[in-house]
Protein backbone atom coordinates (compact mmCIF):
# COMPACT_ATOMS: atom_id res chain seq x y z
CA MET A 1 48.96 46.15 -31.19
CA SER A 2 49.44 44.79 -27.69
CA PHE A 3 46.79 42.72 -25.94
CA VAL A 4 46.11 45.52 -23.45
CA ALA A 5 45.77 48.14 -26.19
CA HIS A 6 43.55 45.84 -28.22
CA THR A 7 41.37 45.07 -25.19
CA GLN A 8 41.18 48.75 -24.30
CA LYS A 9 40.13 49.65 -27.84
CA GLU A 10 37.64 46.79 -27.96
CA LEU A 11 36.07 47.73 -24.64
CA LYS A 12 36.25 51.46 -25.40
CA THR A 13 37.38 52.19 -21.90
CA SER A 14 40.57 53.46 -20.33
CA LEU A 15 43.00 51.50 -18.23
CA SER A 16 42.38 53.87 -15.34
CA THR A 17 38.68 53.02 -15.48
CA ILE A 18 39.47 49.30 -15.55
CA SER A 19 41.89 49.74 -12.63
CA GLN A 20 39.36 51.76 -10.65
CA GLU A 21 36.65 49.15 -11.19
CA ALA A 22 39.04 46.38 -10.11
CA LEU A 23 39.97 48.34 -6.99
CA GLU A 24 36.32 49.03 -6.12
CA SER A 25 35.48 45.36 -6.60
CA SER A 26 38.36 44.36 -4.36
CA LEU A 27 37.32 46.82 -1.65
CA GLU A 28 33.71 45.61 -1.79
CA LYS A 29 34.92 42.02 -1.41
CA LYS A 30 37.08 42.94 1.60
CA GLU A 31 34.17 44.82 3.20
CA LEU A 32 31.88 41.83 2.70
CA GLN A 33 34.50 39.55 4.26
CA LYS A 34 34.67 41.84 7.33
CA TRP A 35 30.87 41.79 7.74
CA GLU A 36 30.75 38.01 7.31
CA ARG A 37 33.50 37.55 9.91
CA GLY A 38 31.71 39.91 12.30
CA ALA A 39 28.44 38.00 11.86
CA LEU A 40 30.23 34.70 12.46
CA LEU A 41 31.91 35.99 15.61
CA ALA A 42 28.65 37.49 16.89
CA SER A 43 26.77 34.24 16.27
CA GLN A 44 29.35 32.37 18.34
CA ASN A 45 29.06 34.78 21.27
CA GLU A 46 26.45 33.37 23.65
CA GLU A 47 25.97 36.63 25.57
CA TYR A 48 25.38 38.57 22.35
CA MET A 49 22.93 35.98 21.05
CA GLN A 50 21.01 36.02 24.35
CA THR A 51 20.80 39.82 24.26
CA THR A 52 19.47 39.79 20.71
CA LYS A 53 16.82 37.21 21.68
CA GLU A 54 15.77 39.36 24.63
CA ILE A 55 15.49 42.44 22.45
CA GLY A 56 13.53 40.47 19.87
CA ASN A 57 11.09 39.29 22.53
CA LEU A 58 10.31 42.78 23.82
CA GLY A 59 7.58 43.21 21.25
CA THR A 60 8.79 46.66 20.30
CA GLN A 61 10.21 47.89 17.07
CA LEU A 62 13.78 49.02 16.69
CA TYR A 63 14.44 51.96 14.41
CA ASP A 64 17.60 52.49 12.42
CA TYR A 65 18.67 56.10 12.08
């Protein structure tokens, strides 16, 4: 019995399920990297940071829809 077949039998899961989970994990990692890069770029943008400080100092609440 091959390693893959043995692992599949041991885990009681199909290769397509394993592949799908690996793909989903990879996509989540890429998405997180995009958000982290966006946050880094935003934090280095002085105009953006000033705007966020001004909004934060308005004393009003922002609502996310």
